[in-house]
Protein backbone atom coordinates (compact mmCIF):
# COMPACT_ATOMS: atom_id res chain seq x y z
CA MET A 1 -7.84 38.31 21.04
CA ASP A 2 -11.60 38.01 21.23
CA ASP A 3 -13.45 36.10 23.94
CA GLU A 4 -14.08 33.02 21.80
CA VAL A 5 -10.41 32.68 20.87
CA ALA A 6 -9.48 33.06 24.54
CA LYS A 7 -11.96 30.32 25.48
CA TRP A 8 -10.66 27.93 22.82
CA LEU A 9 -7.08 28.63 23.82
CA TYR A 10 -8.00 27.88 27.42
CA ASP A 11 -9.70 24.63 26.34
CA ALA A 12 -6.60 23.56 24.41
CA LEU A 13 -4.32 24.34 27.33
CA GLN A 14 -6.56 22.48 29.77
CA ALA A 15 -6.66 19.45 27.49
CA SER A 16 -2.87 19.57 27.22
CA LYS A 17 -2.61 19.57 31.00
CA GLN A 18 -5.01 16.64 31.19
CA ILE A 19 -2.82 14.62 28.83
CA ARG A 20 0.16 15.21 31.07
CA LYS A 21 -1.88 14.31 34.16
CA PHE A 22 -3.33 11.14 32.62
CA VAL A 23 0.01 9.84 31.44
CA GLY A 24 2.07 10.81 34.48
CA ASP A 25 4.76 8.19 34.91
CA LYS A 26 3.03 5.56 32.74
CA SER A 27 5.05 3.50 30.30
CA ALA A 28 4.31 2.81 26.65
CA GLU A 29 3.19 -0.67 27.69
CA ASP A 30 0.79 0.80 30.24
CA TYR A 31 -0.60 3.08 27.55
CA THR A 32 -1.08 0.41 24.90
CA SER A 33 -2.66 -2.06 27.31
CA ASP A 34 -5.07 0.37 28.98
CA ALA A 35 -8.03 1.21 26.74
CA LEU A 36 -9.37 3.73 29.23
CA LEU A 37 -6.07 5.61 29.35
CA SER A 38 -5.54 5.59 25.59
CA SER A 39 -9.12 6.70 24.97
CA ALA A 40 -8.79 9.53 27.47
CA VAL A 41 -5.54 10.77 25.94
CA GLU A 42 -6.93 10.55 22.40
CA ARG A 43 -10.00 12.55 23.46
CA GLN A 44 -7.83 15.31 24.91
CA PHE A 45 -5.78 15.43 21.70
CA GLU A 46 -9.04 15.77 19.78
CA ILE A 47 -10.02 18.71 22.00
CA VAL A 48 -6.65 20.39 21.42
CA GLY A 49 -6.94 19.96 17.66
CA GLU A 50 -10.55 21.11 17.48
CA ALA A 51 -9.86 24.17 19.64
CA LEU A 52 -6.90 25.12 17.44
CA LYS A 53 -8.98 24.60 14.31
CA ARG A 54 -11.60 26.98 15.67
CA ILE A 55 -8.92 29.52 16.53
CA ARG A 56 -7.49 29.20 13.01
CA ASP A 57 -10.91 29.73 11.49
CA ARG A 58 -11.52 32.81 13.64
CA ASP A 59 -8.07 34.46 13.73
CA GLU A 60 -5.49 33.38 11.16
CA GLU A 61 -2.92 35.86 12.46
CA PHE A 62 -3.15 34.65 16.07
CA ILE A 63 -2.84 30.96 15.17
CA GLU A 64 0.51 31.62 13.48
CA GLY A 65 1.93 32.36 16.93
CA ILE A 66 1.23 28.80 18.08
CA ASP A 67 3.98 26.37 17.18
CA GLY A 68 2.70 23.04 15.89
CA TRP A 69 -0.89 24.07 15.27
CA ARG A 70 -1.06 22.45 11.83
CA GLY A 71 0.17 19.14 13.19
CA ALA A 72 -2.25 19.25 16.11
CA ILE A 73 -5.20 19.85 13.80
CA SER A 74 -4.07 17.10 11.42
CA PHE A 75 -3.58 14.69 14.32
CA ARG A 76 -7.07 15.49 15.59
CA ASN A 77 -8.47 14.67 12.16
CA ILE A 78 -6.64 11.35 12.09
CA LEU A 79 -7.95 10.45 15.55
CA ALA A 80 -11.51 11.48 14.75
CA HIS A 81 -11.81 10.09 11.24
CA GLY A 82 -9.24 7.30 11.14
CA TYR A 83 -10.30 5.65 14.38
CA ASP A 84 -9.94 2.18 12.84
CA ASP A 85 -6.32 2.84 11.89
CA ILE A 86 -4.98 4.27 15.15
CA ASP A 87 -1.70 2.75 16.30
CA ASN A 88 -1.31 3.22 20.06
CA GLU A 89 2.47 3.15 19.76
CA VAL A 90 2.34 6.05 17.29
CA VAL A 91 0.01 8.02 19.57
CA TRP A 92 2.34 7.31 22.51
CA GLY A 93 5.31 8.53 20.50
CA ILE A 94 3.54 11.74 19.52
CA MET A 95 2.44 12.29 23.09
CA LYS A 96 5.96 11.78 24.46
CA MET A 97 7.44 14.03 21.79
CA THR A 98 4.97 16.83 22.50
CA CYS A 99 5.44 16.49 26.27
CA ARG A 100 8.83 18.07 25.77
CA CYS A 101 7.00 21.34 25.08
CA SER A 102 6.15 23.45 28.06
CA SER A 103 2.43 22.73 27.85
CA VAL A 104 2.39 19.38 26.06
CA VAL A 105 0.99 20.36 22.68
CA LEU A 106 1.06 24.13 22.68
CA LYS A 107 4.29 26.01 22.46
CA PHE A 108 4.05 29.71 21.81
CA THR A 109 6.62 31.51 19.70
C-alpha cells in the first residue's frame, strides 16, 4: 500500500469514527430534527466515499478487500449531487445499518 492509499484509508476510518461519535445515543428523531447533526454525519459519509473513490482509482486490487466500498462511493455521490433529494430517515437507516460493522462504514474482508 502506498502512502496516499494509507492516508485515504486513515481519512475514511477517522470519518467513520466521527459518525459514531456524533450519533452516540441519539434517536432517529434527534437526527431528523437536528440540522447540525445531520449535516455533520452527511459530511463524514462524503469523506468516507471520496476517500474510497480515491483508493479505488489508485489501487483497484486493494479496494476489493474493503467490504461495501461500492455502496459507500455511491452514497457519497447521492449526498454530494442529490442534496435536494436527501431523506434524513434514509440516511439514518443507512447509518444505523453500517454501525453494525466494526468501524461504521469500513469492514475489511
